[in-house]
N, C-alpha and C. Protein backbone atom coordinates (compact mmCIF):
# COMPACT_ATOMS: atom_id res chain seq x y z
N MET A 1 0.83 -1.16 0.00
CA MET A 1 0.00 0.00 0.00
C MET A 1 0.89 1.25 0.00
N ARG A 2 0.62 2.15 -0.92
CA ARG A 2 1.41 3.37 -1.00
C ARG A 2 0.83 4.45 -0.10
N ALA A 3 1.75 5.12 0.54
CA ALA A 3 1.30 6.23 1.38
C ALA A 3 1.21 7.48 0.50
N ILE A 4 0.18 8.19 0.65
CA ILE A 4 -0.02 9.42 -0.10
C ILE A 4 0.41 10.58 0.79
N ILE A 5 1.41 11.30 0.31
CA ILE A 5 1.91 12.43 1.09
C ILE A 5 1.32 13.70 0.50
N ARG A 6 0.67 14.43 1.35
CA ARG A 6 0.08 15.69 0.91
C ARG A 6 0.78 16.84 1.62
N HIS A 7 1.11 17.81 0.86
CA HIS A 7 1.76 19.00 1.42
C HIS A 7 0.77 20.14 1.39
N SER A 8 0.76 20.87 2.46
CA SER A 8 -0.09 22.05 2.48
C SER A 8 0.57 23.16 1.67
N CYS A 9 -0.16 24.18 1.42
CA CYS A 9 0.32 25.31 0.62
C CYS A 9 1.54 25.96 1.27
N TRP A 10 1.52 26.17 2.57
CA TRP A 10 2.64 26.84 3.23
C TRP A 10 3.89 25.96 3.24
N GLN A 11 3.72 24.63 3.26
CA GLN A 11 4.88 23.74 3.21
C GLN A 11 5.55 23.82 1.84
N ARG A 12 4.75 23.89 0.79
CA ARG A 12 5.31 24.04 -0.56
C ARG A 12 6.02 25.38 -0.70
N TRP A 13 5.41 26.42 -0.13
CA TRP A 13 6.02 27.75 -0.18
C TRP A 13 7.35 27.75 0.58
N ALA A 14 7.38 27.13 1.76
CA ALA A 14 8.60 27.07 2.56
C ALA A 14 9.69 26.30 1.83
N LEU A 15 9.34 25.20 1.19
CA LEU A 15 10.31 24.41 0.45
C LEU A 15 10.86 25.21 -0.74
N ALA A 16 9.98 25.89 -1.47
CA ALA A 16 10.42 26.70 -2.60
C ALA A 16 11.34 27.83 -2.14
N THR A 17 11.00 28.47 -1.02
CA THR A 17 11.82 29.54 -0.48
C THR A 17 13.20 29.02 -0.07
N LEU A 18 13.24 27.86 0.55
CA LEU A 18 14.50 27.25 0.96
C LEU A 18 15.38 26.95 -0.25
N ILE A 19 14.80 26.36 -1.27
CA ILE A 19 15.57 26.04 -2.48
C ILE A 19 16.07 27.32 -3.15
N PHE A 20 15.22 28.34 -3.24
CA PHE A 20 15.61 29.61 -3.84
C PHE A 20 16.74 30.27 -3.04
N SER A 21 16.65 30.24 -1.71
CA SER A 21 17.67 30.85 -0.85
C SER A 21 19.01 30.15 -1.01
N VAL A 22 19.00 28.83 -1.07
CA VAL A 22 20.24 28.07 -1.24
C VAL A 22 20.86 28.40 -2.59
N THR A 23 20.04 28.54 -3.62
CA THR A 23 20.53 28.88 -4.95
C THR A 23 21.18 30.26 -4.93
N ILE A 24 20.54 31.22 -4.29
CA ILE A 24 21.10 32.58 -4.22
C ILE A 24 22.43 32.56 -3.46
N LEU A 25 22.49 31.84 -2.35
CA LEU A 25 23.72 31.79 -1.57
C LEU A 25 24.84 31.09 -2.32
N ALA A 26 24.48 30.08 -3.10
CA ALA A 26 25.50 29.34 -3.84
C ALA A 26 26.13 30.20 -4.93
N TYR A 27 25.34 31.09 -5.52
CA TYR A 27 25.83 31.96 -6.57
C TYR A 27 25.84 33.41 -6.11
N GLY A 28 26.20 33.65 -4.86
CA GLY A 28 26.16 34.99 -4.27
C GLY A 28 27.15 35.94 -4.90
N GLU A 29 26.88 37.21 -4.72
CA GLU A 29 27.75 38.25 -5.24
C GLU A 29 28.79 38.61 -4.19
N GLU A 30 29.95 39.01 -4.66
CA GLU A 30 30.96 39.55 -3.76
C GLU A 30 30.65 41.03 -3.60
N ARG A 31 30.52 41.50 -2.39
CA ARG A 31 30.24 42.90 -2.11
C ARG A 31 31.08 43.37 -0.94
N SER A 32 31.20 44.66 -0.81
CA SER A 32 31.98 45.23 0.26
C SER A 32 31.40 46.60 0.59
N GLU A 33 31.72 47.14 1.76
CA GLU A 33 31.32 48.50 2.10
C GLU A 33 32.47 49.47 1.86
N ALA A 34 33.58 48.97 1.38
CA ALA A 34 34.73 49.79 1.03
C ALA A 34 35.31 49.22 -0.26
N PHE A 35 36.13 50.02 -0.92
CA PHE A 35 36.82 49.49 -2.09
C PHE A 35 37.96 48.60 -1.63
N LEU A 36 38.06 47.43 -2.22
CA LEU A 36 39.17 46.52 -1.98
C LEU A 36 39.89 46.34 -3.31
N VAL A 37 41.13 46.82 -3.38
CA VAL A 37 41.93 46.74 -4.59
C VAL A 37 43.05 45.75 -4.33
N GLN A 38 43.08 44.66 -5.08
CA GLN A 38 44.11 43.63 -4.92
C GLN A 38 45.03 43.69 -6.13
N MET A 39 46.30 44.03 -5.87
CA MET A 39 47.29 44.17 -6.93
C MET A 39 48.05 42.85 -7.08
N TYR A 40 47.94 42.24 -8.25
CA TYR A 40 48.70 41.05 -8.60
C TYR A 40 49.75 41.46 -9.63
N SER A 41 50.67 40.58 -9.93
CA SER A 41 51.73 40.94 -10.88
C SER A 41 51.21 41.14 -12.31
N ASN A 42 50.11 40.47 -12.67
CA ASN A 42 49.62 40.57 -14.05
C ASN A 42 48.19 41.08 -14.17
N ARG A 43 47.56 41.47 -13.06
CA ARG A 43 46.18 41.96 -13.12
C ARG A 43 45.85 42.65 -11.81
N VAL A 44 44.70 43.33 -11.81
CA VAL A 44 44.20 43.99 -10.61
C VAL A 44 42.75 43.57 -10.43
N LYS A 45 42.38 43.19 -9.21
CA LYS A 45 41.00 42.82 -8.90
C LYS A 45 40.44 43.89 -7.97
N VAL A 46 39.24 44.37 -8.29
CA VAL A 46 38.59 45.41 -7.50
C VAL A 46 37.24 44.90 -7.02
N LEU A 47 36.99 45.06 -5.73
CA LEU A 47 35.70 44.75 -5.13
C LEU A 47 35.12 46.09 -4.69
N SER A 48 33.95 46.44 -5.24
CA SER A 48 33.41 47.77 -4.99
C SER A 48 32.17 47.73 -4.11
N PRO A 49 31.93 48.82 -3.38
CA PRO A 49 30.71 48.89 -2.57
C PRO A 49 29.48 49.07 -3.46
N ALA A 50 28.33 48.64 -2.97
CA ALA A 50 27.10 48.73 -3.76
C ALA A 50 26.64 50.17 -3.92
N LYS A 51 26.90 51.02 -2.92
CA LYS A 51 26.47 52.41 -3.01
C LYS A 51 27.54 53.33 -2.45
N PHE A 52 27.36 54.62 -2.68
CA PHE A 52 28.33 55.64 -2.28
C PHE A 52 28.31 55.84 -0.77
N TYR A 53 29.50 55.91 -0.18
CA TYR A 53 29.68 56.23 1.24
C TYR A 53 30.68 57.38 1.34
N SER A 54 30.49 58.26 2.30
CA SER A 54 31.49 59.29 2.57
C SER A 54 31.62 59.43 4.07
N PRO A 55 32.79 59.38 4.66
CA PRO A 55 34.09 59.20 4.01
C PRO A 55 34.22 57.79 3.43
N LEU A 56 35.03 57.71 2.41
CA LEU A 56 35.20 56.47 1.66
C LEU A 56 36.47 55.76 2.10
N ASN A 57 36.36 54.47 2.34
CA ASN A 57 37.52 53.66 2.71
C ASN A 57 38.00 52.86 1.51
N ILE A 58 39.31 52.86 1.33
CA ILE A 58 39.94 52.10 0.25
C ILE A 58 41.02 51.23 0.88
N LEU A 59 40.95 49.93 0.64
CA LEU A 59 41.97 49.00 1.13
C LEU A 59 42.71 48.47 -0.09
N ILE A 60 44.02 48.68 -0.11
CA ILE A 60 44.83 48.24 -1.24
C ILE A 60 45.77 47.16 -0.74
N GLU A 61 45.70 45.98 -1.36
CA GLU A 61 46.54 44.84 -0.99
C GLU A 61 47.59 44.63 -2.07
N ASN A 62 48.84 44.54 -1.65
CA ASN A 62 49.94 44.27 -2.57
C ASN A 62 50.22 42.77 -2.52
N LYS A 63 49.80 42.04 -3.54
CA LYS A 63 50.02 40.60 -3.58
C LYS A 63 51.19 40.25 -4.50
N THR A 64 52.04 41.25 -4.77
CA THR A 64 53.21 41.02 -5.61
C THR A 64 54.45 40.88 -4.74
N LEU A 65 55.59 40.72 -5.38
CA LEU A 65 56.86 40.59 -4.67
C LEU A 65 57.69 41.87 -4.72
N VAL A 66 57.09 42.96 -5.22
CA VAL A 66 57.79 44.24 -5.31
C VAL A 66 56.98 45.32 -4.60
N LYS A 67 57.68 46.38 -4.20
CA LYS A 67 57.03 47.51 -3.55
C LYS A 67 56.20 48.28 -4.59
N ILE A 68 55.00 48.70 -4.21
CA ILE A 68 54.13 49.47 -5.10
C ILE A 68 54.08 50.91 -4.61
N ILE A 69 54.34 51.82 -5.54
CA ILE A 69 54.19 53.25 -5.28
C ILE A 69 53.07 53.73 -6.17
N GLY A 70 52.12 54.45 -5.61
CA GLY A 70 50.99 54.89 -6.40
C GLY A 70 50.31 56.08 -5.77
N LYS A 71 49.19 56.46 -6.37
CA LYS A 71 48.41 57.56 -5.82
C LYS A 71 46.93 57.31 -6.07
N VAL A 72 46.11 57.89 -5.21
CA VAL A 72 44.67 57.88 -5.38
C VAL A 72 44.29 59.31 -5.74
N SER A 73 43.63 59.48 -6.88
CA SER A 73 43.25 60.81 -7.36
C SER A 73 41.74 60.92 -7.42
N ILE A 74 41.24 62.08 -7.04
CA ILE A 74 39.80 62.35 -7.07
C ILE A 74 39.58 63.50 -8.05
N TYR A 75 38.72 63.26 -9.04
CA TYR A 75 38.40 64.29 -10.03
C TYR A 75 36.94 64.66 -9.89
N PRO A 76 36.52 65.85 -10.02
CA PRO A 76 37.23 67.03 -10.51
C PRO A 76 37.92 67.84 -9.42
N SER A 77 37.88 67.43 -8.16
CA SER A 77 38.48 68.22 -7.08
C SER A 77 40.00 68.20 -7.10
N LYS A 78 40.60 67.29 -7.84
CA LYS A 78 42.06 67.18 -8.02
C LYS A 78 42.80 66.92 -6.71
N LYS A 79 42.17 66.23 -5.78
CA LYS A 79 42.85 65.81 -4.56
C LYS A 79 43.67 64.57 -4.89
N GLU A 80 44.86 64.48 -4.30
CA GLU A 80 45.72 63.32 -4.53
C GLU A 80 46.29 62.83 -3.21
N HIS A 81 46.37 61.52 -3.08
CA HIS A 81 46.95 60.87 -1.90
C HIS A 81 48.02 59.91 -2.41
N PHE A 82 49.29 60.17 -2.08
CA PHE A 82 50.38 59.30 -2.51
C PHE A 82 50.60 58.22 -1.46
N LEU A 83 50.99 57.02 -1.92
CA LEU A 83 51.15 55.90 -1.00
C LEU A 83 52.22 54.94 -1.48
N THR A 84 52.76 54.20 -0.52
CA THR A 84 53.75 53.15 -0.78
C THR A 84 53.32 51.91 -0.02
N ILE A 85 53.31 50.77 -0.71
CA ILE A 85 52.89 49.52 -0.08
C ILE A 85 54.00 48.49 -0.29
N GLU A 86 54.49 47.95 0.79
CA GLU A 86 55.54 46.93 0.74
C GLU A 86 54.97 45.61 0.20
N PRO A 87 55.84 44.71 -0.31
CA PRO A 87 55.36 43.42 -0.83
C PRO A 87 54.60 42.62 0.23
N LYS A 88 53.52 42.00 -0.20
CA LYS A 88 52.68 41.13 0.64
C LYS A 88 52.06 41.87 1.84
N LYS A 89 51.89 43.19 1.72
CA LYS A 89 51.28 44.01 2.78
C LYS A 89 50.04 44.69 2.21
N HIS A 90 49.33 45.41 3.07
CA HIS A 90 48.16 46.16 2.63
C HIS A 90 48.16 47.53 3.28
N LEU A 91 47.36 48.44 2.73
CA LEU A 91 47.26 49.80 3.23
C LEU A 91 45.80 50.22 3.21
N ALA A 92 45.33 50.79 4.30
CA ALA A 92 43.96 51.31 4.37
C ALA A 92 44.03 52.82 4.25
N LEU A 93 43.13 53.37 3.45
CA LEU A 93 43.11 54.80 3.19
C LEU A 93 41.67 55.28 3.32
N GLU A 94 41.47 56.40 4.02
CA GLU A 94 40.14 56.99 4.13
C GLU A 94 40.18 58.34 3.44
N ILE A 95 39.28 58.53 2.47
CA ILE A 95 39.25 59.79 1.73
C ILE A 95 37.85 60.37 1.80
N SER A 96 37.78 61.68 1.63
CA SER A 96 36.47 62.33 1.56
C SER A 96 36.22 62.69 0.10
N ALA A 97 35.11 62.23 -0.39
CA ALA A 97 34.73 62.49 -1.78
C ALA A 97 33.25 62.84 -1.81
N LYS A 98 32.86 63.49 -2.88
CA LYS A 98 31.46 63.83 -3.06
C LYS A 98 30.85 62.89 -4.08
N LYS A 99 29.55 62.71 -3.99
CA LYS A 99 28.86 61.87 -4.96
C LYS A 99 29.05 62.49 -6.34
N GLY A 100 29.42 61.68 -7.29
CA GLY A 100 29.67 62.16 -8.64
C GLY A 100 31.15 62.34 -8.94
N ASP A 101 32.01 62.35 -7.91
CA ASP A 101 33.45 62.42 -8.14
C ASP A 101 33.94 61.12 -8.78
N ARG A 102 34.96 61.23 -9.61
CA ARG A 102 35.60 60.04 -10.19
C ARG A 102 36.87 59.77 -9.40
N ILE A 103 37.02 58.52 -8.96
CA ILE A 103 38.15 58.15 -8.11
C ILE A 103 39.01 57.14 -8.86
N PHE A 104 40.32 57.40 -8.89
CA PHE A 104 41.26 56.53 -9.60
C PHE A 104 42.38 56.12 -8.66
N PHE A 105 42.82 54.86 -8.79
CA PHE A 105 44.07 54.42 -8.19
C PHE A 105 45.05 54.31 -9.34
N ILE A 106 46.17 55.02 -9.22
CA ILE A 106 47.15 55.07 -10.31
C ILE A 106 48.47 54.49 -9.80
N PRO A 107 48.81 53.26 -10.19
CA PRO A 107 50.11 52.69 -9.82
C PRO A 107 51.22 53.38 -10.62
N LEU A 108 52.21 53.92 -9.91
CA LEU A 108 53.32 54.62 -10.57
C LEU A 108 54.51 53.70 -10.77
N ALA A 109 54.81 52.86 -9.78
CA ALA A 109 55.92 51.92 -9.90
C ALA A 109 55.53 50.64 -9.17
N PRO A 110 55.51 49.51 -9.82
CA PRO A 110 55.64 49.32 -11.26
C PRO A 110 54.44 49.92 -11.99
N ALA A 111 54.71 50.43 -13.17
CA ALA A 111 53.68 51.13 -13.94
C ALA A 111 52.56 50.17 -14.36
N PHE A 112 51.33 50.63 -14.22
CA PHE A 112 50.15 49.87 -14.63
C PHE A 112 49.13 50.90 -15.07
N GLN A 113 48.11 50.49 -15.78
CA GLN A 113 47.10 51.44 -16.22
C GLN A 113 46.31 52.00 -15.05
N ASP A 114 45.73 53.18 -15.25
CA ASP A 114 44.90 53.80 -14.22
C ASP A 114 43.69 52.93 -13.95
N ILE A 115 43.33 52.82 -12.67
CA ILE A 115 42.22 51.95 -12.27
C ILE A 115 41.12 52.83 -11.71
N GLU A 116 40.01 52.92 -12.42
CA GLU A 116 38.89 53.71 -11.91
C GLU A 116 38.11 52.87 -10.91
N LEU A 117 37.82 53.46 -9.76
CA LEU A 117 37.05 52.79 -8.72
C LEU A 117 35.60 53.20 -8.91
N ILE A 118 34.78 52.24 -9.33
CA ILE A 118 33.40 52.52 -9.73
C ILE A 118 32.44 51.89 -8.72
N PHE A 119 31.52 52.70 -8.21
CA PHE A 119 30.53 52.21 -7.26
C PHE A 119 29.50 51.33 -7.95
N GLY A 120 28.98 50.35 -7.22
CA GLY A 120 27.86 49.56 -7.70
C GLY A 120 28.21 48.37 -8.56
N LEU A 121 29.45 48.22 -8.95
CA LEU A 121 29.82 47.04 -9.72
C LEU A 121 30.14 45.90 -8.77
N GLN A 122 30.03 44.70 -9.27
CA GLN A 122 30.47 43.56 -8.48
C GLN A 122 31.99 43.53 -8.56
N ALA A 123 32.58 42.45 -8.18
CA ALA A 123 34.03 42.33 -8.31
C ALA A 123 34.39 42.38 -9.80
N TYR A 124 35.39 43.18 -10.14
CA TYR A 124 35.83 43.25 -11.53
C TYR A 124 37.34 43.24 -11.58
N GLU A 125 37.87 42.78 -12.71
CA GLU A 125 39.31 42.67 -12.90
C GLU A 125 39.77 43.55 -14.04
N ILE A 126 40.98 44.06 -13.91
CA ILE A 126 41.58 44.85 -14.95
C ILE A 126 42.84 44.14 -15.41
N PRO A 127 42.84 43.62 -16.63
CA PRO A 127 44.06 42.98 -17.14
C PRO A 127 45.04 44.04 -17.61
N PRO A 128 46.32 43.71 -17.76
CA PRO A 128 47.28 44.70 -18.25
C PRO A 128 47.01 45.02 -19.72
N LYS A 129 47.31 46.27 -20.11
CA LYS A 129 47.19 46.64 -21.52
C LYS A 129 48.30 45.97 -22.29
N ARG A 130 47.99 45.51 -23.48
CA ARG A 130 49.01 44.85 -24.30
C ARG A 130 49.36 45.71 -25.48
């Protein structure tokens, strides 16, 4: 004799919600409340906040074997913050910016292309220019 299993409406809803939640968590987005810039020898990975915050925190990680010298520039206000990061170290920087300002991290040594820090994007990578 087969047992007939009946599910009530709320049980089906709970099961569907559980499955949907697990799916979302399995394919979750990387997000942060500050910019996280990871410098590798052949690329740069940026994790950006979902929305604008002021003051803005920027964490730059040097994952290379050489010292990085660079600057963070804010346009159009033309504010600049120069920095040096030793190999395998990180640096936290707090800047004040206004909504609508364009923020760039510019590695000076070793030279790499300018990296625009854009709000609202998920994690993105910048390969070297060829």
